[in-house]
Amino acid sequence: MHTVKEKIKNKASAAKEKATVAKAHVAEKAEKATARSKGERQLAEEHRKIKEAGAKMDLHEEKAQHKVEKLNAKHNPLHHTTGTHNPLTGTHGHHTTTTGVHNPLTTGTHGHHGHGHHI
């Protein structure tokens, strides 16, 4: 379900990027039409390239944000229905300190068995 939402958001972001690129091309043509010299025409082309690069950057940032949202929704305890993951007690892949193995989420070590290796 989260993957479908992410794909839809990515498509919307891609459509927004394409619209921005199209607007940049229109703006470039308008600038070139009013340009009086070769330098002004080249400047119009550079402005278009800047706008296109910004649109691509925005697209990639939005896609990354969509991925973060997907991962946060996946790992959010409110959405987690099995109830088997408790990061404070270490019941999901970490032993509690009563067994002699340190829980890296509560003790600050990386599972080293009391050898004094801290982060």
Protein backbone atom coordinates (compact mmCIF):
# COMPACT_ATOMS: atom_id res chain seq x y z
CA MET A 1 0.00 0.00 0.00
CA HIS A 2 2.79 2.42 0.91
CA THR A 3 4.63 1.57 -2.31
CA VAL A 4 1.56 2.49 -4.38
CA LYS A 5 1.27 5.83 -2.60
CA GLU A 6 4.96 6.48 -3.14
CA LYS A 7 4.68 5.70 -6.86
CA ILE A 8 1.69 8.02 -7.23
CA LYS A 9 3.53 10.83 -5.45
CA ASN A 10 6.61 10.22 -7.62
CA LYS A 11 4.51 10.44 -10.79
CA ALA A 12 2.97 13.70 -9.59
CA SER A 13 6.44 15.09 -8.86
CA ALA A 14 7.66 13.99 -12.31
CA ALA A 15 4.69 15.72 -13.95
CA LYS A 16 5.47 18.88 -11.97
CA GLU A 17 9.10 18.69 -13.12
CA LYS A 18 8.04 18.31 -16.77
CA ALA A 19 5.73 21.31 -16.45
CA THR A 20 8.57 23.39 -14.98
CA VAL A 21 10.88 22.36 -17.83
CA ALA A 22 8.20 23.25 -20.38
CA LYS A 23 7.75 26.67 -18.76
CA ALA A 24 11.52 27.17 -18.88
CA HIS A 25 11.53 26.46 -22.62
CA VAL A 26 8.71 28.96 -23.18
CA ALA A 27 10.53 31.57 -21.11
CA GLU A 28 13.72 30.93 -23.08
CA LYS A 29 11.92 31.45 -26.39
CA ALA A 30 10.41 34.68 -25.11
CA GLU A 31 13.82 35.92 -23.93
CA LYS A 32 15.43 34.98 -27.21
CA ALA A 33 12.70 36.76 -29.15
CA THR A 34 13.42 40.01 -27.34
CA ALA A 35 17.20 39.55 -27.25
CA ARG A 36 19.25 42.14 -29.10
CA SER A 37 22.55 40.30 -29.22
CA LYS A 38 24.06 36.86 -29.35
CA GLY A 39 25.12 37.23 -25.70
CA GLU A 40 21.53 37.88 -24.58
CA ARG A 41 20.38 34.78 -26.48
CA GLN A 42 23.07 32.73 -24.78
CA LEU A 43 22.00 34.17 -21.44
CA ALA A 44 18.42 33.08 -22.14
CA GLU A 45 19.68 29.56 -22.81
CA GLU A 46 21.65 29.58 -19.54
CA HIS A 47 18.55 30.72 -17.63
CA ARG A 48 16.63 27.77 -19.10
CA LYS A 49 19.37 25.35 -18.09
CA ILE A 50 19.35 26.72 -14.54
CA LYS A 51 15.57 26.29 -14.30
CA GLU A 52 15.80 22.75 -15.69
CA ALA A 53 18.53 21.80 -13.22
CA GLY A 54 16.48 23.23 -10.36
CA ALA A 55 13.44 21.25 -11.47
CA LYS A 56 15.49 18.04 -11.59
CA MET A 57 16.91 18.74 -8.15
CA ASP A 58 13.42 19.36 -6.77
CA LEU A 59 12.21 16.10 -8.34
CA HIS A 60 14.97 14.10 -6.68
CA GLU A 61 14.42 15.81 -3.33
CA GLU A 62 10.70 15.07 -3.50
CA LYS A 63 11.34 11.44 -4.43
CA ALA A 64 13.68 11.11 -1.46
CA GLN A 65 11.04 12.66 0.79
CA HIS A 66 8.45 10.20 -0.52
CA LYS A 67 10.82 7.35 0.35
CA VAL A 68 11.29 8.75 3.86
CA GLU A 69 7.53 9.06 4.31
CA LYS A 70 7.10 5.46 3.18
CA LEU A 71 9.75 4.20 5.58
CA ASN A 72 8.39 6.27 8.48
CA ALA A 73 4.88 4.96 7.88
CA LYS A 74 6.23 1.43 7.72
CA HIS A 75 8.10 1.74 11.00
CA ASN A 76 5.63 3.92 12.87
CA PRO A 77 4.44 2.07 15.99
CA LEU A 78 0.91 3.37 15.47
CA HIS A 79 0.70 1.53 12.15
CA HIS A 80 2.53 -1.58 13.37
CA THR A 81 -0.18 -4.10 14.24
CA THR A 82 1.81 -7.19 15.29
CA GLY A 83 3.14 -5.63 18.49
CA THR A 84 6.45 -7.55 18.39
CA HIS A 85 8.84 -4.64 18.02
CA ASN A 86 9.80 -2.80 21.19
CA PRO A 87 13.05 -0.84 20.75
CA LEU A 88 13.35 -0.03 24.46
CA THR A 89 13.41 -3.65 25.61
CA GLY A 90 15.20 -5.01 22.59
CA THR A 91 12.65 -7.67 21.71
CA HIS A 92 13.27 -7.25 17.99
CA GLY A 93 16.72 -8.69 17.38
CA HIS A 94 18.37 -7.43 20.57
CA HIS A 95 18.65 -9.14 23.93
CA THR A 96 17.94 -7.32 27.14
CA THR A 97 20.72 -6.66 29.61
CA THR A 98 19.48 -9.45 31.91
CA THR A 99 21.08 -11.99 29.56
CA GLY A 100 24.44 -10.24 29.70
CA VAL A 101 24.19 -8.90 26.15
CA HIS A 102 23.88 -5.13 25.89
CA ASN A 103 20.99 -3.59 24.00
CA PRO A 104 22.52 -0.95 21.69
CA LEU A 105 19.33 1.09 21.82
CA THR A 106 19.47 1.53 25.60
CA THR A 107 23.11 1.15 26.61
CA GLY A 108 25.01 3.01 23.89
CA THR A 109 27.16 0.04 22.84
CA HIS A 110 27.09 -1.93 19.64
CA GLY A 111 26.27 -5.30 21.15
CA HIS A 112 29.78 -5.78 22.48
CA HIS A 113 29.62 -7.97 25.54
CA GLY A 114 30.90 -5.58 28.18
CA HIS A 115 34.27 -4.96 26.53
CA GLY A 116 34.00 -1.19 26.96
CA HIS A 117 33.54 -0.39 23.27
CA HIS A 118 31.29 2.63 23.22
CA ILE A 119 30.10 4.79 20.40
